[in-house]
């Protein structure tokens, strides 16, 4: 292949890639690699195509090929580390993040990502040190924000005038401006200036929401489209007898609103002596159902249970990577599973479902005080209220049925009487309880990827009923609306 032809093909393939015509792009880059298997740039683009198509096996294979050909390719080393981290292969992830930094000590993403991995593993001192190292590369509010998650006292070392300048500068990235406002809100919260805290939170959330055009689409999906479908009675195609015996999976589902105790419950269960595997928020069921809905007319929908069950089990088995025929228990803490309880019960009749509850107003404030980057609807008070209203409607529907495989866990009761309530959880899950499960904060293998990470590592603290009392007046409109849900 001549150099001119190769350049033309590469330019054409890149154009397809930029326009998200992935199949056409893949064909062109495969053609280039047929002639020149060592064309690293083509391998890089093709790897990203497989990543976007969620073909993880080919993505990993190509990343390894790139690194084999170009041992100093720190970006591909970082991507391989992220892949292993997403698959909970933390040792491999740590190894490749270290290799990334070894190849380029000033690669911000590599330094930051290793810091985040250490934070999730509970190596908080190492995480803070890496975040500080990242700040020497570039002084971004998002990095300061991560340090503050670990060490709130670090707020006294931050030049808040500079943070305020970043927050107001229209030349700065919207997300970085948002994080700047979140930092200012933290400062006001510490000084008990509630009105100023709320003002900064509102601006920060608005900027964060505006930072990605897909956020509104995602919000509409979870606030309007999904509840509209799954809050009404649906038609289901029946499972045949052989399809009921299709799997040896016995999942434990933990669901609830963000900040309602779901991380605490999953941590308790995964701290049991038999080490029930915890896969966190893996979104297997929402993804499968979302893909299915894309092909259907939502106005007159009938759920094809056999099809969905096969797809869900295939996805779980891929993640679990087990060929054992014995029953396999694991925890799935995908919060959005709350919308699909009917489907879960039909597909996994022996599953256990734990629904975590918390005072709705406390939940409302706790969500708004956070920056939950992966949940776009949390960046607007009206959307948070609507999500809580939908959640409450689902709970009312579930509670009327009185299902034996559903347990409701109240955060106040769990934290104030952890022995009694953790025993209830374990009995419900048919798991043996012992007092060691309450000492989860002493585990050296505890990995937490949610906003509750730092709090959970302090152990079980008694619930503070007065924590959000001062927010009732400034959030009066929402407080009154939410109170009507609980009456």
Protein backbone atom coordinates (compact mmCIF):
# COMPACT_ATOMS: atom_id res chain seq x y z
CA UNK A 1 0.00 0.00 0.00
CA UNK A 2 1.48 3.34 -1.01
CA UNK A 3 1.91 6.07 1.59
CA UNK A 4 -0.52 8.33 -0.29
CA UNK A 5 -3.23 5.65 -0.40
CA UNK A 6 -2.69 4.84 3.28
CA UNK A 7 -3.06 8.52 4.18
CA UNK A 8 -6.25 8.82 2.11
CA UNK A 9 -7.75 5.72 3.73
CA UNK A 10 -6.78 6.93 7.20
CA UNK A 11 -8.34 10.36 6.56
CA UNK A 12 -11.53 8.70 5.27
CA UNK A 13 -11.69 6.31 8.21
CA UNK A 14 -11.12 9.15 10.66
CA UNK A 15 -13.99 11.10 9.08
CA UNK A 16 -16.32 8.11 9.51
CA UNK A 17 -15.16 7.78 13.13
CA UNK A 18 -15.78 11.46 13.91
CA UNK A 19 -19.29 11.15 12.41
CA UNK A 20 -19.93 8.04 14.55
CA UNK A 21 -20.20 5.76 11.51
CA UNK A 22 -18.36 3.06 13.41
CA UNK A 23 -18.91 0.10 11.08
CA UNK A 24 -17.58 1.97 8.02
CA UNK A 25 -14.65 3.32 10.04
CA UNK A 26 -13.79 -0.14 11.37
CA UNK A 27 -13.73 -1.62 7.88
CA UNK A 28 -11.26 1.00 6.65
CA UNK A 29 -8.88 0.67 9.60
CA UNK A 30 -8.99 -3.15 9.29
CA UNK A 31 -8.06 -2.75 5.63
CA UNK A 32 -5.06 -0.58 6.56
CA UNK A 33 -3.99 -3.12 9.21
CA UNK A 34 -4.27 -6.00 6.74
CA UNK A 35 -1.51 -4.36 4.71
CA UNK A 36 0.42 -2.92 7.67
CA UNK A 37 -0.34 -4.71 10.98
CA UNK A 38 2.04 -2.39 12.82
CA UNK A 39 0.21 0.85 12.00
CA UNK A 40 -0.17 2.07 15.59
CA UNK A 41 -2.43 5.04 14.76
CA UNK A 42 -4.93 2.72 13.02
CA UNK A 43 -4.79 0.33 15.99
CA UNK A 44 -5.54 3.22 18.34
CA UNK A 45 -8.62 4.37 16.41
CA UNK A 46 -9.84 0.78 15.96
CA UNK A 47 -9.45 0.16 19.70
CA UNK A 48 -11.67 3.18 20.41
CA UNK A 49 -14.26 1.87 17.96
CA UNK A 50 -14.40 -1.44 19.84
CA UNK A 51 -14.65 0.45 23.13
CA UNK A 52 -17.62 2.44 21.84
CA UNK A 53 -19.22 -0.79 20.58
CA UNK A 54 -18.62 -2.31 24.06
CA UNK A 55 -16.58 -5.15 22.55
CA UNK A 56 -14.33 -5.38 25.60
CA UNK A 57 -12.45 -8.50 24.48
CA UNK A 58 -11.27 -6.90 21.20
CA UNK A 59 -10.63 -3.57 22.93
CA UNK A 60 -8.27 -5.21 25.43
CA UNK A 61 -6.55 -7.22 22.68
CA UNK A 62 -5.88 -4.08 20.63
CA UNK A 63 -4.61 -2.08 23.62
CA UNK A 64 -2.13 -4.85 24.37
CA UNK A 65 -1.05 -4.89 20.72
CA UNK A 66 -0.48 -1.10 20.77
CA UNK A 67 1.62 -1.37 23.94
CA UNK A 68 3.59 -4.26 22.44
CA UNK A 69 4.47 -2.13 19.41
CA UNK A 70 4.92 1.13 21.33
CA UNK A 71 6.09 0.43 24.89
CA UNK A 72 6.05 4.16 25.73
CA UNK A 73 2.42 4.68 24.73
CA UNK A 74 1.30 5.94 28.15
CA UNK A 75 -2.22 6.79 26.95
CA UNK A 76 -2.90 3.17 25.95
CA UNK A 77 -1.41 1.99 29.25
CA UNK A 78 -3.82 4.33 31.04
CA UNK A 79 -6.75 3.03 28.94
CA UNK A 80 -5.82 -0.58 29.74
CA UNK A 81 -5.66 0.30 33.44
CA UNK A 82 -9.12 1.93 33.25
CA UNK A 83 -10.48 -1.18 31.54
CA UNK A 84 -9.21 -3.41 34.35
CA UNK A 85 -10.49 -0.98 36.97
CA UNK A 86 -13.97 -1.05 35.41
CA UNK A 87 -13.84 -4.86 35.58
CA UNK A 88 -12.79 -4.68 39.27
CA UNK A 89 -9.36 -6.15 38.50
CA UNK A 90 -7.74 -3.68 40.86
CA UNK A 91 -4.27 -5.24 41.02
CA UNK A 92 -3.93 -5.17 37.24
CA UNK A 93 -5.34 -1.65 37.14
CA UNK A 94 -2.84 -0.44 39.73
CA UNK A 95 0.04 -2.10 37.85
CA UNK A 96 -0.82 -0.40 34.55
CA UNK A 97 -1.53 3.00 36.13
CA UNK A 98 1.95 2.83 37.66
CA UNK A 99 3.38 1.87 34.27
CA UNK A 100 1.55 4.88 32.79
CA UNK A 101 3.19 7.29 35.24
CA UNK A 102 6.53 5.53 34.78
CA UNK A 103 6.38 6.37 31.06
CA UNK A 104 5.14 9.93 31.61
CA UNK A 105 5.39 11.38 35.10
CA UNK A 106 3.48 14.51 34.01
CA UNK A 107 0.48 12.74 32.45
CA UNK A 108 -2.35 14.28 34.46
CA UNK A 109 -4.92 11.56 33.73
CA UNK A 110 -2.57 8.78 34.81
CA UNK A 111 -1.66 10.49 38.10
CA UNK A 112 -5.27 11.42 38.86
CA UNK A 113 -6.63 7.96 37.96
CA UNK A 114 -4.15 6.19 40.23
CA UNK A 115 -5.15 8.60 43.00
CA UNK A 116 -8.82 7.78 42.42
CA UNK A 117 -8.08 4.04 42.50
CA UNK A 118 -6.28 4.45 45.84
CA UNK A 119 -9.21 6.50 47.14
CA UNK A 120 -11.66 3.74 46.21
CA UNK A 121 -9.40 1.13 47.84
CA UNK A 122 -9.22 3.19 51.03
CA UNK A 123 -5.53 4.12 50.70
CA UNK A 124 -6.49 7.69 51.47
CA UNK A 125 -3.04 9.07 52.31
CA UNK A 126 -1.61 7.75 49.01
CA UNK A 127 -4.65 9.10 47.16
CA UNK A 128 -4.26 12.57 48.68
CA UNK A 129 -0.54 12.61 47.82
CA UNK A 130 -1.28 11.73 44.19
CA UNK A 131 -4.00 14.39 43.94
CA UNK A 132 -1.48 16.93 45.26
CA UNK A 133 0.99 15.72 42.63
CA UNK A 134 -1.74 16.19 40.00
CA UNK A 135 -2.23 19.78 41.20
CA UNK A 136 1.43 20.50 40.40
CA UNK A 137 0.71 19.45 36.82
CA UNK A 138 -2.47 21.54 36.55
CA UNK A 139 -4.36 23.40 39.28
CA UNK A 140 -7.91 22.27 38.51
CA UNK A 141 -10.88 22.72 40.88
CA UNK A 142 -11.94 19.10 40.19
CA UNK A 143 -8.66 17.90 41.76
CA UNK A 144 -9.12 20.16 44.80
CA UNK A 145 -12.65 18.77 45.09
CA UNK A 146 -11.33 15.20 45.25
CA UNK A 147 -8.85 16.13 47.97
CA UNK A 148 -11.69 17.70 49.97
CA UNK A 149 -13.63 14.43 49.79
CA UNK A 150 -10.73 12.84 51.67
CA UNK A 151 -9.66 15.74 53.85
CA UNK A 152 -12.16 18.54 54.45
CA UNK A 153 -9.58 20.50 56.46
CA UNK A 154 -7.63 21.02 53.24
CA UNK A 155 -10.12 23.81 52.48
CA UNK A 156 -7.93 26.07 54.66
CA UNK A 157 -4.98 25.55 52.28
CA UNK A 158 -6.90 26.46 49.12
CA UNK A 159 -6.67 29.95 47.66
CA UNK A 160 -10.42 30.60 47.58
CA UNK A 161 -9.97 33.93 45.79
CA UNK A 162 -8.43 31.99 42.90
CA UNK A 163 -11.25 29.42 43.06
CA UNK A 164 -13.79 32.23 42.95
CA UNK A 165 -12.00 33.74 39.95
CA UNK A 166 -12.19 30.37 38.13
CA UNK A 167 -15.86 29.98 39.02
CA UNK A 168 -16.76 33.33 37.45
CA UNK A 169 -14.44 33.19 34.41
CA UNK A 170 -16.42 32.42 31.26
CA UNK A 171 -13.21 31.21 29.58
CA UNK A 172 -12.98 28.16 31.83
CA UNK A 173 -14.38 24.70 31.24
CA UNK A 174 -18.00 24.45 32.51
CA UNK A 175 -17.31 21.42 34.69
CA UNK A 176 -14.25 23.03 36.26
CA UNK A 177 -16.33 26.14 36.98
CA UNK A 178 -18.97 23.88 38.52
CA UNK A 179 -16.40 22.22 40.78
CA UNK A 180 -15.16 25.66 41.79
CA UNK A 181 -18.68 26.55 42.96
CA UNK A 182 -18.96 23.21 44.81
CA UNK A 183 -15.74 24.07 46.66
CA UNK A 184 -17.13 27.49 47.61
CA UNK A 185 -20.30 25.73 48.82
CA UNK A 186 -18.22 23.43 51.06
CA UNK A 187 -16.57 26.48 52.63
CA UNK A 188 -19.96 28.11 53.32
CA UNK A 189 -21.35 24.85 54.76
CA UNK A 190 -18.45 24.59 57.20
CA UNK A 191 -19.15 28.15 58.33
CA UNK A 192 -22.91 27.44 58.65
CA UNK A 193 -23.80 29.99 55.95
CA UNK A 194 -26.65 27.87 54.57
CA UNK A 195 -28.09 30.44 52.17
CA UNK A 196 -24.70 31.04 50.53
CA UNK A 197 -24.04 27.30 50.39
CA UNK A 198 -27.31 26.72 48.53
CA UNK A 199 -26.62 29.64 46.18
CA UNK A 200 -23.23 28.20 45.19
CA UNK A 201 -24.65 24.66 44.90
CA UNK A 202 -27.39 25.85 42.56
CA UNK A 203 -24.93 27.61 40.25
CA UNK A 204 -22.53 24.66 40.33
CA UNK A 205 -25.24 22.14 39.48
CA UNK A 206 -26.55 24.33 36.64
CA UNK A 207 -23.08 24.62 35.14
CA UNK A 208 -22.54 20.88 35.47
CA UNK A 209 -25.87 20.15 33.77
CA UNK A 210 -24.97 22.55 30.93
CA UNK A 211 -21.55 20.95 30.44
CA UNK A 212 -22.89 18.02 28.42
CA UNK A 213 -25.75 18.19 25.92
CA UNK A 214 -26.58 14.52 26.63
CA UNK A 215 -27.39 15.20 30.30
CA UNK A 216 -30.87 16.55 29.59
CA UNK A 217 -31.64 13.58 27.35
CA UNK A 218 -30.50 11.15 30.07
CA UNK A 219 -32.51 13.05 32.68
CA UNK A 220 -35.67 12.93 30.55
CA UNK A 221 -35.15 9.18 30.13
CA UNK A 222 -35.06 8.50 33.89
CA UNK A 223 -37.46 11.23 35.04
CA UNK A 224 -40.16 10.85 32.37
CA UNK A 225 -39.79 8.01 29.87
CA UNK A 226 -38.93 5.04 32.14
CA UNK A 227 -41.44 5.91 34.91
CA UNK A 228 -44.16 6.45 32.31
CA UNK A 229 -43.62 2.90 31.03
CA UNK A 230 -42.95 1.00 34.25
CA UNK A 231 -45.37 2.71 36.63
CA UNK A 232 -48.28 1.30 34.67
CA UNK A 233 -49.34 -2.32 34.31
CA UNK A 234 -47.38 -4.04 31.57
CA UNK A 235 -47.98 -7.06 29.38
CA UNK A 236 -45.37 -9.82 29.54
CA UNK A 237 -44.74 -12.82 27.34
CA UNK A 238 -44.55 -15.87 29.60
CA UNK A 239 -41.42 -17.83 30.40
CA UNK A 240 -41.50 -21.53 29.54
CA UNK A 241 -40.59 -24.09 32.19
CA UNK A 242 -37.12 -24.72 30.73
CA UNK A 243 -36.50 -20.97 30.67
CA UNK A 244 -37.26 -20.79 34.39
CA UNK A 245 -34.32 -23.14 34.96
CA UNK A 246 -32.04 -21.23 32.65
CA UNK A 247 -29.65 -19.98 35.32
CA UNK A 248 -27.89 -20.85 38.56
CA UNK A 249 -27.62 -17.16 39.49
CA UNK A 250 -29.11 -16.05 42.81
CA UNK A 251 -28.60 -12.29 42.81
CA UNK A 252 -29.16 -9.99 45.76
CA UNK A 253 -30.41 -6.63 44.54
CA UNK A 254 -29.86 -3.53 46.69
CA UNK A 255 -31.81 -0.49 45.50
CA UNK A 256 -32.91 2.89 46.77
CA UNK A 257 -32.37 6.58 46.24
CA UNK A 258 -28.77 7.82 46.16
CA UNK A 259 -27.57 8.57 49.71
CA UNK A 260 -30.14 6.24 51.30
CA UNK A 261 -27.83 3.58 52.77
CA UNK A 262 -27.44 1.27 49.78
CA UNK A 263 -23.62 1.34 49.98
CA UNK A 264 -23.76 0.47 53.69
CA UNK A 265 -26.06 -2.50 53.03
CA UNK A 266 -23.98 -3.88 50.13
CA UNK A 267 -20.83 -3.47 52.23
CA UNK A 268 -22.35 -5.43 55.12
CA UNK A 269 -23.39 -8.28 52.82
CA UNK A 270 -20.04 -8.45 51.02
CA UNK A 271 -18.25 -8.52 54.41
CA UNK A 272 -19.82 -11.90 55.23
CA UNK A 273 -17.30 -14.71 55.85
CA UNK A 274 -18.17 -16.45 52.57
CA UNK A 275 -17.27 -13.24 50.69
CA UNK A 276 -20.41 -12.72 48.63
CA UNK A 277 -19.14 -10.97 45.51
CA UNK A 278 -20.22 -7.36 45.18
CA UNK A 279 -20.35 -5.99 41.64
CA UNK A 280 -21.67 -2.55 42.58
CA UNK A 281 -23.62 -0.48 40.07
CA UNK A 282 -23.08 -2.67 36.99
CA UNK A 283 -26.29 -1.57 35.19
CA UNK A 284 -26.83 -4.95 33.49
CA UNK A 285 -30.63 -4.84 33.73
CA UNK A 286 -31.13 -1.13 32.82
CA UNK A 287 -28.86 -1.56 29.79
CA UNK A 288 -30.61 -4.71 28.60
CA UNK A 289 -34.05 -3.16 28.99
CA UNK A 290 -32.88 0.12 27.46
CA UNK A 291 -31.55 -1.69 24.39
CA UNK A 292 -34.82 -3.61 24.14
CA UNK A 293 -36.98 -0.47 24.38
CA UNK A 294 -35.07 1.17 21.52
CA UNK A 295 -36.66 -1.35 19.15
CA UNK A 296 -40.22 -1.03 20.49
CA UNK A 297 -43.21 1.28 20.30
CA UNK A 298 -43.45 2.43 23.91
CA UNK A 299 -47.15 3.28 23.56
CA UNK A 300 -48.13 -0.35 23.17
CA UNK A 301 -45.29 -2.34 24.64
CA UNK A 302 -45.15 -6.01 25.53
CA UNK A 303 -42.09 -7.22 27.43
CA UNK A 304 -40.48 -10.28 25.83
CA UNK A 305 -39.31 -11.96 29.05
CA UNK A 306 -37.48 -14.93 27.42
CA UNK A 307 -35.45 -12.56 25.22
CA UNK A 308 -34.62 -10.16 28.04
CA UNK A 309 -33.77 -12.98 30.44
CA UNK A 310 -31.31 -14.55 28.02
CA UNK A 311 -29.66 -11.17 27.40
CA UNK A 312 -29.40 -10.34 31.12
CA UNK A 313 -28.00 -13.74 32.07
CA UNK A 314 -25.48 -13.57 29.25
CA UNK A 315 -24.30 -10.18 30.53
CA UNK A 316 -24.08 -11.34 34.15
CA UNK A 317 -22.15 -14.48 33.19
CA UNK A 318 -19.73 -12.37 31.18
CA UNK A 319 -19.05 -10.22 34.24
CA UNK A 320 -18.94 -13.08 36.74
CA UNK A 321 -16.84 -15.20 34.36
CA UNK A 322 -17.79 -18.44 36.08
CA UNK A 323 -18.64 -21.83 34.61
CA UNK A 324 -19.69 -23.34 37.93
CA UNK A 325 -23.06 -25.08 38.06
CA UNK A 326 -23.58 -24.45 41.77
CA UNK A 327 -25.82 -21.52 42.77
CA UNK A 328 -23.90 -18.25 42.59
CA UNK A 329 -24.90 -15.38 44.86
CA UNK A 330 -23.70 -11.84 44.22
CA UNK A 331 -24.78 -8.27 44.92
CA UNK A 332 -26.02 -5.91 42.22
CA UNK A 333 -26.42 -2.37 43.61
CA UNK A 334 -27.65 -0.64 40.46
CA UNK A 335 -30.03 1.96 41.88
CA UNK A 336 -32.12 2.21 38.68
CA UNK A 337 -33.19 -1.43 39.15
CA UNK A 338 -35.98 0.00 41.30
CA UNK A 339 -37.95 0.64 38.09
CA UNK A 340 -37.65 -2.99 37.00
CA UNK A 341 -38.67 -4.88 40.15
CA UNK A 342 -41.52 -6.69 38.34
CA UNK A 343 -39.15 -7.92 35.64
CA UNK A 344 -36.52 -8.93 38.21
CA UNK A 345 -39.05 -10.98 40.16
CA UNK A 346 -40.19 -12.76 37.02
CA UNK A 347 -36.69 -13.46 35.73
CA UNK A 348 -35.11 -14.30 39.10
CA UNK A 349 -37.95 -15.65 41.29
CA UNK A 350 -35.43 -16.77 43.96
CA UNK A 351 -33.65 -13.42 44.10
CA UNK A 352 -33.56 -11.23 47.19
CA UNK A 353 -34.40 -7.54 46.82
CA UNK A 354 -33.45 -5.01 49.52
CA UNK A 355 -34.96 -1.55 49.23
CA UNK A 356 -33.27 1.14 51.32
CA UNK A 357 -35.34 3.99 52.69
CA UNK A 358 -34.48 7.31 54.25
CA UNK A 359 -36.39 10.42 55.21
CA UNK A 360 -37.17 11.88 51.77
CA UNK A 361 -36.27 15.46 52.67
CA UNK A 362 -32.95 14.36 54.17
CA UNK A 363 -32.39 12.40 50.98
CA UNK A 364 -33.22 15.46 48.89
CA UNK A 365 -30.68 17.68 50.66
CA UNK A 366 -27.99 14.96 50.81
CA UNK A 367 -28.27 14.43 47.04
CA UNK A 368 -28.14 18.16 46.29
CA UNK A 369 -25.08 18.67 48.48
CA UNK A 370 -23.13 16.15 46.41
CA UNK A 371 -21.78 16.23 42.88
CA UNK A 372 -23.01 12.85 41.61
CA UNK A 373 -21.37 13.10 38.21
CA UNK A 374 -22.90 9.92 36.80
CA UNK A 375 -26.50 10.90 37.64
CA UNK A 376 -27.44 13.98 35.58
CA UNK A 377 -30.90 14.32 37.15
CA UNK A 378 -29.27 15.09 40.52
CA UNK A 379 -28.07 18.47 39.21
CA UNK A 380 -31.44 20.18 39.38
CA UNK A 381 -33.77 20.49 42.40
CA UNK A 382 -36.95 20.01 40.36
CA UNK A 383 -35.54 16.84 38.78
CA UNK A 384 -34.49 15.49 42.19
CA UNK A 385 -38.00 16.14 43.51
CA UNK A 386 -39.58 14.42 40.49
CA UNK A 387 -37.28 11.40 40.86
CA UNK A 388 -38.24 11.09 44.53
CA UNK A 389 -41.94 11.32 43.60
CA UNK A 390 -41.50 8.53 41.02
CA UNK A 391 -39.56 6.45 43.54
CA UNK A 392 -42.31 6.91 46.10
CA UNK A 393 -44.97 5.83 43.57
CA UNK A 394 -43.03 2.64 42.89
CA UNK A 395 -42.64 1.92 46.60
CA UNK A 396 -46.38 2.38 47.23
CA UNK A 397 -47.08 -0.08 44.43
CA UNK A 398 -44.57 -2.62 45.80
CA UNK A 399 -45.74 -2.34 49.41
CA UNK A 400 -49.33 -3.12 48.41
CA UNK A 401 -48.16 -6.48 47.00
CA UNK A 402 -46.34 -7.55 50.20
CA UNK A 403 -43.74 -9.67 48.40
CA UNK A 404 -41.79 -12.25 50.41
CA UNK A 405 -38.56 -11.65 48.51
CA UNK A 406 -38.45 -7.91 49.24
CA UNK A 407 -37.04 -6.42 52.45
CA UNK A 408 -37.29 -2.74 53.34
CA UNK A 409 -34.35 -1.34 55.31
CA UNK A 410 -34.65 2.04 57.02
CA UNK A 411 -31.34 3.92 57.30
CA UNK A 412 -32.17 5.41 60.71
CA UNK A 413 -33.06 2.00 62.16
CA UNK A 414 -30.00 0.35 60.62
CA UNK A 415 -27.51 2.92 61.92
CA UNK A 416 -29.10 3.26 65.36
CA UNK A 417 -29.50 -0.52 65.90
CA UNK A 418 -26.94 -2.13 63.57
CA UNK A 419 -26.80 -5.56 65.23
CA UNK A 420 -30.56 -6.17 65.18
CA UNK A 421 -31.07 -4.82 61.66
CA UNK A 422 -27.99 -6.39 60.06
CA UNK A 423 -29.18 -9.74 61.43
CA UNK A 424 -32.53 -9.15 59.72
CA UNK A 425 -30.74 -8.47 56.43
CA UNK A 426 -28.63 -11.61 56.68
CA UNK A 427 -31.56 -13.80 57.68
CA UNK A 428 -33.55 -12.47 54.73
CA UNK A 429 -30.64 -13.27 52.37
CA UNK A 430 -30.19 -16.77 53.90
CA UNK A 431 -26.67 -15.84 54.95
CA UNK A 432 -24.89 -16.64 58.21
CA UNK A 433 -24.35 -13.55 60.39
CA UNK A 434 -21.45 -12.94 62.73
CA UNK A 435 -20.24 -9.80 64.45
CA UNK A 436 -17.30 -9.43 62.06
CA UNK A 437 -19.64 -8.06 59.36
CA UNK A 438 -20.01 -4.89 61.45
CA UNK A 439 -16.22 -4.41 61.39
CA UNK A 440 -16.14 -3.88 57.63
CA UNK A 441 -14.16 -0.65 58.08
CA UNK A 442 -11.19 -2.83 59.13
CA UNK A 443 -11.15 -4.70 55.82
CA UNK A 444 -8.08 -4.16 53.65
CA UNK A 445 -9.89 -5.37 50.52
CA UNK A 446 -12.85 -3.00 50.70
CA UNK A 447 -13.42 -1.18 47.41
CA UNK A 448 -16.10 1.53 47.27
CA UNK A 449 -16.75 3.58 44.14
CA UNK A 450 -19.68 5.67 45.37
CA UNK A 451 -19.90 9.07 47.06
CA UNK A 452 -20.28 7.24 50.41
CA UNK A 453 -16.72 5.92 50.22
CA UNK A 454 -15.09 8.07 52.92
CA UNK A 455 -18.11 8.02 55.24
CA UNK A 456 -18.43 4.21 55.10
CA UNK A 457 -14.80 3.75 56.11
CA UNK A 458 -15.59 5.43 59.45
CA UNK A 459 -17.89 2.52 60.33
CA UNK A 460 -21.56 2.75 61.27
CA UNK A 461 -22.35 6.13 62.82
CA UNK A 462 -25.62 6.92 64.59
CA UNK A 463 -28.07 8.85 62.47
CA UNK A 464 -28.27 12.60 63.12
CA UNK A 465 -31.96 13.53 62.86
CA UNK A 466 -31.18 17.24 63.15
CA UNK A 467 -28.50 17.34 60.46
CA UNK A 468 -30.79 18.91 57.84
CA UNK A 469 -33.12 20.85 60.15
CA UNK A 470 -31.64 24.20 59.09
CA UNK A 471 -32.41 23.44 55.43
CA UNK A 472 -36.18 23.21 55.95
CA UNK A 473 -36.68 26.97 55.72
CA UNK A 474 -34.50 27.77 52.64
CA UNK A 475 -35.91 24.66 50.91
CA UNK A 476 -39.45 25.32 52.20
CA UNK A 477 -41.15 24.65 48.83
CA UNK A 478 -39.48 21.26 48.49
CA UNK A 479 -39.81 20.39 52.17
CA UNK A 480 -43.59 20.88 52.05
CA UNK A 481 -43.99 18.92 48.80
CA UNK A 482 -41.87 16.05 50.09
CA UNK A 483 -43.72 15.90 53.42
CA UNK A 484 -46.94 15.16 51.54
CA UNK A 485 -45.31 12.01 50.09
CA UNK A 486 -44.58 10.61 53.54
CA UNK A 487 -48.04 11.21 54.97
